[in-house]
Structure formats: structure tokens, C-alpha cells
Amino acid sequence: MKKLLIASALAAIAFSGSALADDRGKETRKAYEEMQREAAKDRREAIREYEKDRREHMREAAKDHREAEREYLKDRREADRERRADAREHRRWARGEYIPRDYLADRYYVRDYRDYDLAVPPDGHRWVRPYQSDDTYYLVQVATGLISRILGH
């Protein structure tokens, strides 16, 4: 009996320790699971914040892109206007084309052609310099405006 009492006391001590260990394990597991839930919650919140910032950044980038494109198109239209104005001011013609009648006026004729190293024009032709800022000379038939020869740039 004495042996039985000792054995039962030892068993009770052993089982009470494992029960205590089980309780501590459950508490530890519970704390770990709670920590995991909190970490997952924090991760989801961080992802939401990241996505919100990303969307805001993308909106700002798109807005900046549209503004830059508007500025570019505005500058391009202005450059095209200036180019067309320059083209009207300094139009160049080719041999065989007709120079506009406006340029067959006396003020466009080159009278001192030798000073510009130009040959004497044949009868019925004149050397014409349409633009004073341009060193291009056109040998033109006075009657028709047909360009026979071009010297200069």
C-alpha cells in the first residue's frame, strides 16, 4: 500500500506539472496567435497606405504629364507659326519657277551687279534680290517672271 501511495503521489505530481505546462503552452500559443493577427493587421494597413500613396503619386504624375504636354504643344504651335512667318518672309524659289510679280519691282532689281560679282544680264532679264538679309540672287525674265538662274545660298 505504501508503494501504491507513493506511486499515486508521484503520478499526481507528474500529471499536475504536465497540466501546468499545457496551460503555459496554451497561453504562449494564444499570445503568439494574437501577435500574428496584429502583424497581419499592421501589414494590411501598411499595404493600404502604400496603395493610397501610389494612387496619389500616379494622379500627380498624370497631371504633370498633361500639363507638360499642353506646354509642349503650345510651344510647338508657336514655333510653327514663327516658321511659317519666316517661310513667308524668306521664300526660296527654284530654277524654272516663276517669281511673284511683287518682286519684279524696281526696288528689288540689282543695278550694280558687278559689285556683287554677277554677270551682265541678257536682254529682257534682270537680277533680282528679293530679301536684303539674304544673299540669293535670281536671274529673272522681266516679262514672265521665269527664273533662269540662281546664285547664292
Protein backbone atom coordinates (compact mmCIF):
# COMPACT_ATOMS: atom_id res chain seq x y z
CA MET A 1 0.00 0.00 0.00
CA LYS A 2 2.79 2.27 0.85
CA LYS A 3 4.15 1.68 -2.58
CA LEU A 4 0.80 2.39 -4.05
CA LEU A 5 0.55 5.68 -2.20
CA ILE A 6 3.98 6.75 -3.29
CA ALA A 7 3.25 5.78 -6.88
CA SER A 8 -0.02 7.68 -6.90
CA ALA A 9 1.64 10.74 -5.33
CA LEU A 10 4.35 10.65 -7.95
CA ALA A 11 1.77 10.28 -10.71
CA ALA A 12 -0.21 13.20 -9.33
CA ILE A 13 2.91 15.36 -9.27
CA ALA A 14 3.85 14.32 -12.79
CA PHE A 15 0.38 14.98 -14.23
CA SER A 16 -0.02 18.28 -12.43
CA GLY A 17 3.29 19.50 -13.93
CA SER A 18 2.27 18.48 -17.45
CA ALA A 19 -1.11 20.12 -16.95
CA LEU A 20 0.66 23.25 -15.82
CA ALA A 21 2.95 23.00 -18.83
CA ASP A 22 -0.10 22.55 -21.08
CA ASP A 23 -1.66 25.70 -19.61
CA ARG A 24 1.57 27.64 -20.18
CA GLY A 25 1.79 26.28 -23.77
CA LYS A 26 -1.81 27.33 -24.47
CA GLU A 27 -1.12 30.83 -23.16
CA THR A 28 2.08 31.07 -25.20
CA ARG A 29 0.28 29.81 -28.31
CA LYS A 30 -2.55 32.27 -27.70
CA ALA A 31 -0.09 35.15 -27.33
CA TYR A 32 1.74 34.04 -30.48
CA GLU A 33 -1.52 33.85 -32.48
CA GLU A 34 -2.55 37.28 -31.21
CA MET A 35 0.84 38.66 -32.24
CA GLN A 36 0.41 37.08 -35.69
CA ARG A 37 -3.05 38.67 -36.05
CA GLU A 38 -1.66 42.08 -35.07
CA ALA A 39 1.24 41.71 -37.52
CA ALA A 40 -1.17 40.74 -40.33
CA LYS A 41 -3.39 43.71 -39.45
CA ASP A 42 -0.39 46.07 -39.50
CA ARG A 43 0.74 44.60 -42.83
CA ARG A 44 -2.71 45.13 -44.38
CA GLU A 45 -2.77 48.71 -43.11
CA ALA A 46 0.72 49.36 -44.49
CA ILE A 47 -0.35 47.97 -47.87
CA ARG A 48 -3.45 50.20 -47.87
CA GLU A 49 -1.30 53.25 -47.07
CA TYR A 50 1.19 52.29 -49.78
CA GLU A 51 -1.59 51.87 -52.37
CA LYS A 52 -3.16 55.19 -51.34
CA ASP A 53 0.20 56.98 -51.71
CA ARG A 54 0.85 55.23 -55.00
CA ARG A 55 -2.54 56.28 -56.44
CA GLU A 56 -1.94 59.85 -55.33
CA HIS A 57 1.52 59.82 -56.90
CA MET A 58 0.12 58.41 -60.15
CA ARG A 59 -2.58 61.13 -60.24
CA GLU A 60 0.06 63.81 -59.69
CA ALA A 61 2.32 62.28 -62.35
CA ALA A 62 -0.56 62.14 -64.85
CA LYS A 63 -1.46 65.74 -64.07
CA ASP A 64 2.16 66.84 -64.56
CA HIS A 65 2.34 64.87 -67.81
CA ARG A 66 -0.82 66.53 -69.17
CA GLU A 67 0.49 69.95 -68.21
CA ALA A 68 3.87 69.29 -69.82
CA GLU A 69 2.16 68.03 -72.97
CA ARG A 70 0.00 71.18 -73.13
CA GLU A 71 3.10 73.35 -72.77
CA TYR A 72 4.93 71.33 -75.43
CA LEU A 73 2.03 71.65 -77.89
CA LYS A 74 1.72 75.35 -77.15
CA ASP A 75 5.45 75.86 -77.79
CA ARG A 76 5.25 73.74 -80.93
CA ARG A 77 2.32 75.74 -82.30
CA GLU A 78 4.22 78.95 -81.60
CA ALA A 79 7.34 77.59 -83.33
CA ASP A 80 5.22 76.50 -86.32
CA ARG A 81 3.70 79.98 -86.53
CA GLU A 82 7.14 81.56 -86.46
CA ARG A 83 8.47 79.09 -89.03
CA ARG A 84 5.55 79.82 -91.36
CA ALA A 85 6.11 83.55 -90.91
CA ASP A 86 9.82 83.09 -91.68
CA ALA A 87 8.96 80.95 -94.69
CA ARG A 88 6.67 83.67 -95.99
CA GLU A 89 9.35 86.25 -95.38
CA HIS A 90 12.19 84.26 -96.95
CA ARG A 91 10.64 82.00 -99.52
CA ARG A 92 13.09 80.38 -101.90
CA TRP A 93 12.28 79.54 -105.47
CA ALA A 94 13.85 77.04 -107.85
CA ARG A 95 15.05 77.44 -111.40
CA GLY A 96 12.09 77.13 -113.78
CA GLU A 97 9.62 78.54 -111.26
CA TYR A 98 8.02 81.94 -111.51
CA ILE A 99 8.90 84.62 -109.02
CA PRO A 100 5.86 86.57 -107.77
CA ARG A 101 5.15 89.81 -109.63
CA ASP A 102 5.69 91.77 -106.41
CA TYR A 103 9.42 91.09 -106.68
CA LEU A 104 9.66 92.41 -110.22
CA ALA A 105 9.51 95.99 -108.94
CA ASP A 106 12.47 98.34 -109.34
CA ARG A 107 13.38 98.25 -105.67
CA TYR A 108 14.28 94.52 -105.92
CA TYR A 109 16.45 94.87 -109.05
CA VAL A 110 20.22 94.65 -108.65
CA ARG A 111 21.59 97.51 -110.74
CA ASP A 112 25.22 97.33 -109.60
CA TYR A 113 25.55 93.62 -110.39
CA ARG A 114 29.33 93.91 -110.92
CA ASP A 115 29.73 94.90 -107.24
CA TYR A 116 28.12 91.55 -106.38
CA ASP A 117 30.22 89.60 -108.95
CA LEU A 118 27.16 88.90 -111.08
CA ALA A 119 27.29 88.56 -114.88
CA VAL A 120 25.64 91.11 -117.12
CA PRO A 121 22.03 90.01 -117.52
CA PRO A 122 20.89 89.14 -121.07
CA ASP A 123 18.29 91.32 -122.77
CA GLY A 124 14.88 91.01 -121.13
CA HIS A 125 16.38 89.65 -117.88
CA ARG A 126 17.18 91.27 -114.55
CA TRP A 127 18.99 90.21 -111.44
CA VAL A 128 16.52 90.26 -108.54
CA ARG A 129 17.37 90.19 -104.83
CA PRO A 130 14.04 89.65 -103.01
CA TYR A 131 15.43 89.81 -99.47
CA GLN A 132 18.07 92.29 -98.36
CA SER A 133 19.08 89.99 -95.48
CA ASP A 134 19.63 87.08 -97.90
CA ASP A 135 22.47 86.84 -100.44
CA THR A 136 20.45 84.91 -103.02
CA TYR A 137 20.19 86.45 -106.49
CA TYR A 138 17.71 85.36 -109.15
CA LEU A 139 18.17 85.96 -112.88
CA VAL A 140 14.58 86.54 -113.97
CA GLN A 141 12.84 87.20 -117.29
CA VAL A 142 11.16 90.55 -116.74
CA ALA A 143 8.17 89.80 -118.98
CA THR A 144 7.16 86.47 -117.40
CA GLY A 145 8.96 86.24 -114.03
CA LEU A 146 10.53 82.90 -115.03
CA ILE A 147 13.69 82.18 -113.04
CA SER A 148 16.59 81.31 -115.35
CA ARG A 149 19.45 81.16 -112.87
CA ILE A 150 20.05 81.32 -109.10
CA LEU A 151 23.24 82.42 -107.37
CA GLY A 152 23.90 82.48 -103.66
CA HIS A 153 22.78 80.32 -100.83
